[in-house]
Every structure is written in C-alpha cells, then in structure tokens.
Protein backbone atom coordinates (compact mmCIF):
# COMPACT_ATOMS: atom_id res chain seq x y z
CA MET A 1 57.29 224.36 93.45
CA ALA A 2 59.78 221.68 94.20
CA GLU A 3 62.11 223.47 96.46
CA THR A 4 61.66 222.31 100.26
CA VAL A 5 63.00 223.24 104.00
CA THR A 6 62.65 220.68 106.69
CA PHE A 7 62.70 221.18 110.23
CA SER A 8 64.23 219.13 113.05
CA GLY A 9 61.61 217.45 114.00
CA GLY A 10 61.18 216.13 110.05
CA GLU A 11 58.25 218.04 108.85
CA SER A 12 59.02 219.79 105.49
CA LEU A 13 57.32 222.61 103.70
CA PRO A 14 57.76 224.44 100.29
CA ALA A 15 61.00 226.62 100.53
CA LEU A 16 58.73 230.09 99.26
CA GLY A 17 56.51 231.43 101.57
CA VAL A 18 54.85 234.84 102.29
CA GLY A 19 55.43 238.00 104.70
CA THR A 20 53.07 240.51 105.30
CA TRP A 21 55.20 243.35 106.75
CA ASN A 22 53.26 246.47 106.34
CA MET A 23 50.12 244.56 105.11
CA GLY A 24 46.64 245.56 106.60
CA ASP A 25 47.90 249.35 107.13
CA SER A 26 45.70 250.44 104.12
CA PRO A 27 42.27 250.27 103.96
CA ALA A 28 42.63 251.03 100.06
CA ARG A 29 44.56 247.80 99.60
CA ARG A 30 43.14 245.53 102.01
CA ALA A 31 41.11 243.51 99.53
CA HIS A 32 44.02 243.04 97.12
CA GLU A 33 45.88 241.98 99.69
CA ILE A 34 43.55 239.92 101.53
CA GLU A 35 43.36 238.47 97.52
CA SER A 36 47.22 237.91 97.46
CA LEU A 37 47.10 235.82 100.03
CA ARG A 38 44.55 233.44 99.55
CA TYR A 39 45.89 232.97 95.72
CA ALA A 40 49.22 232.06 97.53
CA ILE A 41 47.60 229.31 99.35
CA GLU A 42 45.52 228.41 96.96
CA HIS A 43 48.81 227.75 94.58
CA GLY A 44 50.57 225.69 97.36
CA VAL A 45 52.31 228.04 99.55
CA LYS A 46 52.00 226.94 103.04
CA VAL A 47 54.14 229.65 105.09
CA VAL A 48 52.26 232.58 105.87
CA ASP A 49 54.63 234.74 108.25
CA THR A 50 53.60 238.09 110.41
CA ALA A 51 54.18 239.90 113.84
CA GLU A 52 52.32 241.83 116.55
CA MET A 53 54.57 244.44 115.86
CA TYR A 54 53.23 244.79 111.88
CA GLY A 55 50.85 247.60 112.37
CA ASN A 56 50.10 247.26 115.93
CA GLY A 57 48.45 244.01 114.86
CA ARG A 58 46.76 244.93 111.70
CA SER A 59 48.55 242.62 109.62
CA GLU A 60 47.71 239.37 112.13
CA SER A 61 43.87 240.51 111.72
CA LEU A 62 44.34 240.93 107.75
CA VAL A 63 45.79 237.58 107.58
CA GLY A 64 43.72 235.74 109.98
CA GLU A 65 40.63 237.43 107.61
CA ALA A 66 42.47 236.12 104.70
CA ILE A 67 43.64 232.36 105.84
CA GLY A 68 40.08 231.66 107.52
CA PRO A 69 38.74 228.41 105.95
CA LEU A 70 42.39 227.56 104.72
CA ARG A 71 43.85 227.82 108.26
CA ASP A 72 44.80 224.07 108.18
CA GLN A 73 46.68 224.49 104.77
CA VAL A 74 48.83 227.13 106.44
CA PHE A 75 52.07 226.83 108.21
CA LEU A 76 51.36 230.46 110.31
CA VAL A 77 54.29 232.47 112.04
CA SER A 78 54.27 235.49 114.19
CA LYS A 79 56.66 236.92 116.33
CA VAL A 80 56.63 238.41 119.81
CA LEU A 81 58.06 241.67 120.32
CA PRO A 82 61.62 241.84 122.70
CA SER A 83 59.59 244.22 125.27
CA ASN A 84 57.03 241.51 125.50
CA ALA A 85 59.28 238.49 126.06
CA SER A 86 59.07 238.02 129.61
CA ALA A 87 56.93 234.73 130.91
CA LYS A 88 54.03 236.83 131.52
CA GLY A 89 54.57 239.00 127.90
CA VAL A 90 55.02 236.21 126.06
CA ALA A 91 51.78 234.29 127.20
CA GLN A 92 49.63 237.37 127.01
CA SER A 93 51.01 238.35 123.78
CA CYS A 94 50.42 234.85 122.25
CA ARG A 95 47.41 235.02 123.21
CA GLN A 96 46.36 238.26 121.78
CA SER A 97 48.18 237.20 118.31
CA LEU A 98 45.87 234.04 118.23
CA ARG A 99 42.82 236.14 118.88
CA ARG A 100 43.60 238.70 116.39
CA LEU A 101 44.42 235.71 114.07
CA GLY A 102 41.46 233.81 114.57
CA THR A 103 42.54 230.50 115.44
CA ASP A 104 44.00 228.44 118.43
CA ARG A 105 47.71 227.90 117.57
CA LEU A 106 50.46 229.08 116.00
CA ASP A 107 52.93 226.95 113.81
CA LEU A 108 55.94 228.76 114.74
CA TYR A 109 56.38 231.81 117.26
CA LEU A 110 59.35 233.50 117.14
CA LEU A 111 61.41 236.19 119.23
CA HIS A 112 61.48 239.34 117.14
CA TRP A 113 64.81 240.48 118.16
CA ARG A 114 66.90 240.01 120.95
CA GLY A 115 66.02 242.53 124.19
CA SER A 116 67.11 242.84 127.74
CA VAL A 117 64.65 240.10 129.08
CA PRO A 118 67.39 236.88 129.82
CA LEU A 119 67.15 234.40 126.91
CA ALA A 120 65.96 231.84 129.54
CA GLU A 121 63.10 233.11 130.24
CA THR A 122 61.80 233.52 127.17
CA VAL A 123 62.79 229.56 126.02
CA GLU A 124 60.84 228.62 129.11
CA ALA A 125 57.94 230.50 128.15
CA PHE A 126 57.86 229.10 124.52
CA ARG A 127 57.83 225.63 126.24
CA THR A 128 54.83 226.30 128.80
CA LEU A 129 53.19 227.84 125.36
CA GLN A 130 54.16 224.19 123.40
CA ARG A 131 52.97 222.62 126.48
CA GLU A 132 49.36 224.07 126.32
CA GLY A 133 49.03 223.44 122.64
CA LEU A 134 49.00 227.69 121.45
CA ILE A 135 52.38 227.06 119.52
CA ARG A 136 53.97 223.56 117.84
CA HIS A 137 57.42 225.05 117.37
CA TRP A 138 59.51 228.62 118.17
CA GLY A 139 62.45 230.11 116.85
CA VAL A 140 64.10 233.60 117.11
CA SER A 141 64.67 236.33 114.34
CA ASN A 142 67.53 238.83 113.71
CA PHE A 143 69.87 236.78 116.07
CA ASP A 144 73.65 236.48 114.78
CA THR A 145 76.18 233.83 115.25
CA ARG A 146 76.98 235.23 118.88
CA ASP A 147 73.37 235.13 120.08
CA MET A 148 72.83 231.80 118.43
CA ARG A 149 75.65 230.43 120.89
CA ASP A 150 74.17 232.20 123.81
CA LEU A 151 70.72 230.55 123.11
CA ASP A 152 72.86 227.17 123.02
CA SER A 153 73.04 227.70 126.97
CA CYS A 154 69.46 227.01 127.65
CA THR A 155 68.19 224.85 124.59
CA LYS A 156 68.25 221.75 123.75
CA ALA A 157 69.50 220.42 120.20
CA GLY A 158 67.13 221.09 117.38
CA GLU A 159 64.65 222.87 119.54
CA CYS A 160 65.20 226.16 118.07
CA ALA A 161 63.29 225.83 114.85
CA ALA A 162 64.11 228.72 112.90
CA ASN A 163 66.01 232.00 112.69
CA GLN A 164 64.44 234.66 110.60
CA ILE A 165 67.12 237.17 109.48
CA LEU A 166 67.93 239.62 106.32
CA TYR A 167 68.71 238.07 103.39
CA SER A 168 69.06 239.38 99.69
CA LEU A 169 71.77 239.92 97.17
CA GLU A 170 72.32 243.33 98.67
CA HIS A 171 72.82 242.01 102.37
CA ARG A 172 75.14 238.77 102.02
CA GLY A 173 77.21 239.39 105.48
CA VAL A 174 75.21 236.39 106.69
CA GLU A 175 76.95 233.62 104.26
CA TYR A 176 80.37 234.46 106.38
CA ASP A 177 79.08 232.49 109.26
CA LEU A 178 75.90 232.63 110.27
CA LEU A 179 74.01 230.50 107.19
CA LYS A 180 76.32 227.76 108.54
CA ALA A 181 75.77 228.47 112.41
CA ASP A 182 71.88 227.93 111.90
CA SER A 183 72.35 224.54 109.71
CA THR A 184 74.68 223.56 112.47
CA ARG A 185 72.04 223.92 114.83
CA ARG A 186 69.34 222.49 112.73
CA ALA A 187 67.61 225.70 112.44
CA VAL A 188 65.79 226.61 109.15
CA THR A 189 66.88 230.28 108.01
CA MET A 190 64.37 232.47 106.67
CA ALA A 191 65.17 235.25 104.89
CA TYR A 192 63.12 238.63 104.88
CA SER A 193 63.08 241.24 102.19
CA PRO A 194 64.53 238.41 99.76
CA ILE A 195 64.33 241.19 96.92
CA GLY A 196 64.99 244.32 98.81
CA GLN A 197 62.63 247.72 99.88
CA GLY A 198 62.03 250.05 97.39
CA GLY A 199 63.38 248.61 93.96
CA ALA A 200 67.08 249.63 94.93
CA LEU A 201 68.39 246.21 94.34
CA LEU A 202 66.34 245.29 91.26
CA ALA A 203 67.48 248.31 89.37
CA GLU A 204 71.05 246.88 89.39
CA PRO A 205 71.84 246.22 85.75
CA ALA A 206 73.22 242.80 86.43
CA LEU A 207 69.93 241.52 87.51
CA ALA A 208 68.62 242.47 84.34
CA ARG A 209 71.37 241.12 81.99
CA VAL A 210 70.99 237.44 84.20
CA ALA A 211 67.11 238.01 84.04
CA ALA A 212 67.56 238.19 80.02
CA ARG A 213 69.04 234.73 79.85
CA HIS A 214 65.91 232.85 81.18
CA ALA A 215 62.12 232.38 81.24
CA THR A 216 59.41 231.16 83.76
CA SER A 217 55.92 229.95 83.21
CA THR A 218 54.89 233.87 83.66
CA GLY A 219 56.80 234.44 80.69
CA PRO A 220 60.54 236.07 80.57
CA ALA A 221 62.37 236.09 83.72
CA THR A 222 62.11 239.48 85.54
CA PRO A 223 64.81 240.88 88.24
CA ALA A 224 62.68 240.05 90.76
CA GLN A 225 62.34 236.50 89.75
CA VAL A 226 65.95 235.91 90.00
CA ALA A 227 66.93 237.88 93.14
CA LEU A 228 64.74 235.34 94.60
CA ALA A 229 65.73 232.04 92.80
CA TRP A 230 69.24 233.65 94.13
CA VAL A 231 68.15 233.46 97.81
CA LEU A 232 66.10 230.01 97.34
CA ARG A 233 69.36 228.25 95.89
CA GLN A 234 70.53 227.89 99.60
CA PRO A 235 69.86 224.91 101.26
CA ASN A 236 67.38 224.78 103.92
CA MET A 237 66.16 228.34 103.13
CA LEU A 238 62.53 229.37 103.50
CA ALA A 239 61.94 232.82 101.86
CA ILE A 240 59.27 235.11 102.79
CA PRO A 241 58.75 238.12 100.20
CA LYS A 242 55.70 239.94 100.21
CA ALA A 243 53.11 240.44 97.59
CA GLY A 244 50.68 242.58 97.62
CA SER A 245 48.48 241.99 94.76
CA PRO A 246 47.56 238.15 93.19
CA GLU A 247 49.49 239.23 89.73
CA HIS A 248 52.78 240.02 92.11
CA MET A 249 52.13 236.89 93.78
CA ARG A 250 52.09 234.73 90.65
CA LEU A 251 55.31 236.40 89.42
CA ASN A 252 56.65 235.36 92.94
CA LEU A 253 55.49 231.58 92.58
CA ALA A 254 57.28 231.33 89.45
CA ALA A 255 60.58 232.23 90.82
CA PRO A 256 61.75 228.95 91.93
CA GLU A 257 61.65 227.80 88.24
CA ILE A 258 64.69 229.91 87.42
CA ALA A 259 67.84 227.54 87.61
CA LEU A 260 71.11 230.03 87.67
CA ASP A 261 74.02 228.78 86.49
CA ALA A 262 77.79 229.35 87.11
CA MET A 263 77.70 232.06 84.68
CA ASP A 264 74.87 233.76 86.33
CA LEU A 265 76.41 233.25 89.67
CA ALA A 266 79.55 235.07 88.75
CA GLU A 267 77.64 238.09 87.39
CA LEU A 268 75.89 238.54 90.29
CA ASP A 269 79.03 237.95 92.38
CA SER A 270 80.61 240.86 90.70
CA ALA A 271 77.72 243.18 91.29
CA PHE A 272 77.24 242.09 94.66
CA PRO A 273 80.39 240.42 96.11
CA PRO A 274 80.18 237.75 98.69
CA PRO A 275 81.67 238.61 102.53
CA ARG A 276 85.36 238.24 102.91
CA ALA A 277 84.64 238.71 106.85
CA LYS A 278 82.42 238.73 109.42
CA GLU A 279 80.23 241.63 109.31
CA PRO A 280 77.45 242.68 112.51
CA LEU A 281 74.02 241.02 111.20
CA GLU A 282 71.78 243.91 109.16
CA MET A 283 68.41 244.59 110.49
CA ILE A 284 65.58 246.94 108.44
C-alpha cells in the first residue's frame, strides 16, 4: 500500500483505511467483523474509523475488542454527534467513546456533522481534549465549502486535520469546489462509502468493462476494486470502505494496485459525469 496521505503536522498514513458503520449490530456477524478488522491492521492498515452514533456505541465496543493489543498500530478515529457538541457534551462523549474503545486517547476526533452548537464552542472543547491528552487531532465530517469557511473564523491554519465526506463515483459533486477547499486548508479528505451502498454502483456496466482490463494480486480486478482505486487516485484522499469479512478486506487491500489510465477514466466519466456546477454536499 504505497499511497499515503499527510496531515498538516507532517504525519503520513496509508491512504486506505477501514470504516465500521453498521458493524457491531449483529451478534452473528461479530466474530467475522472482528477478524476482518484484525486482518486489515495486520496487513498494513492504520486508520480505523468509528463513531458514537454507530449502533449507539456498539461499533466502538466492537472496534475496541478488535484492536485490543494492536492499539498502538492503529490511527483511531471517532466522532461526536452534533447534539453532543457543546463544551460539556464533547467532554462527556469523548470519555464515553474512550471507555467503549478501551483506550486512553483518540488519534482523530470529528464533529459528525454541523448542528446548532456554535462552531467556536466545539472547537474550544476539542482543544481542551488535546491539552488533556485525550485526542491528538480534531476535524469535521459532512462539512461543505461554506461550513469550512465558517470554521476558518474560529480556527488556526492547518488546525482542522480532516473533513470526512461522502465521495464515490456516484457522488462526485465535491469535485467542483470542496476537494480544493479541503486541500487549501491542509485538511485531509476522508471518503466514506467510497464503493457505494447496496450494490447499485457496482452494477454499472462501465465498472465491469474497466475491471476486465486490470488484475491485482487477488486475481482479475473486480468492479469494487476499480471503484475504490478511482477514489484513491485523488491526492491526499483517505478512503474508509467497510469490509465485514477477511476475504472482503483482502480484496479491498489490493485495490491500490490498480493504476487507472486515461481510457479507464474517460469511460468512468462517461458513465458517472463530473459536476458542471456547485452541488450541495450529499450525506447518507
């Protein structure tokens, strides 16, 4: 996994991480999900993303069990709900997340989306957690260009470490201005759901045609690997797809081996046109 992202402080990490949305919800899948996360870490993945919202804490508990003795190999990310984004709420939520995760610090703590609490109050709460050693970096999620401009009024240059957003072939609106806005602020863009939800994206024939021209160490390329490679082509883009089994994770980890050429990109642009004007940030 040669592709990396670099945070404003100079820390570099592999550009392919793992997400855990909906993980921990099914006792029947728990063992496979834990095995999948451990497989990822043992094969070079650093970033593991979760949130207090996911399963009302069940995802964080599963992540904590999965990373266990591997904690020091992980760049651990969690998120606070906007309803908990007050000074008091951030402090409480962070400590509750740390207890569920079985750790003494988060590497990155994100505001899950913008709510009614003033941004300055949330930012100061994040700074307090940094001073206390409970978080290393902080950032935001689901912030559009206007939100990022508003954030500028209460932050220092490079202070917001990341903006986690929906980005995939079927959700390209952020290419018009938000990706550049993140880059200008030295915030890493984290792409959630980079290979879509429910399989509709992967059924697009253009993905199958591009996949047929490529192979990875796992065998002939799959549409999902192509979709993931397409997201990872963006500079300083950290993708966090979910994989609920070691086999699924193995396929995801091979996606960076795919080098999409001009013909591939043109075919994908034809099937999934890039934005021609500003579009509101999409969320799922």
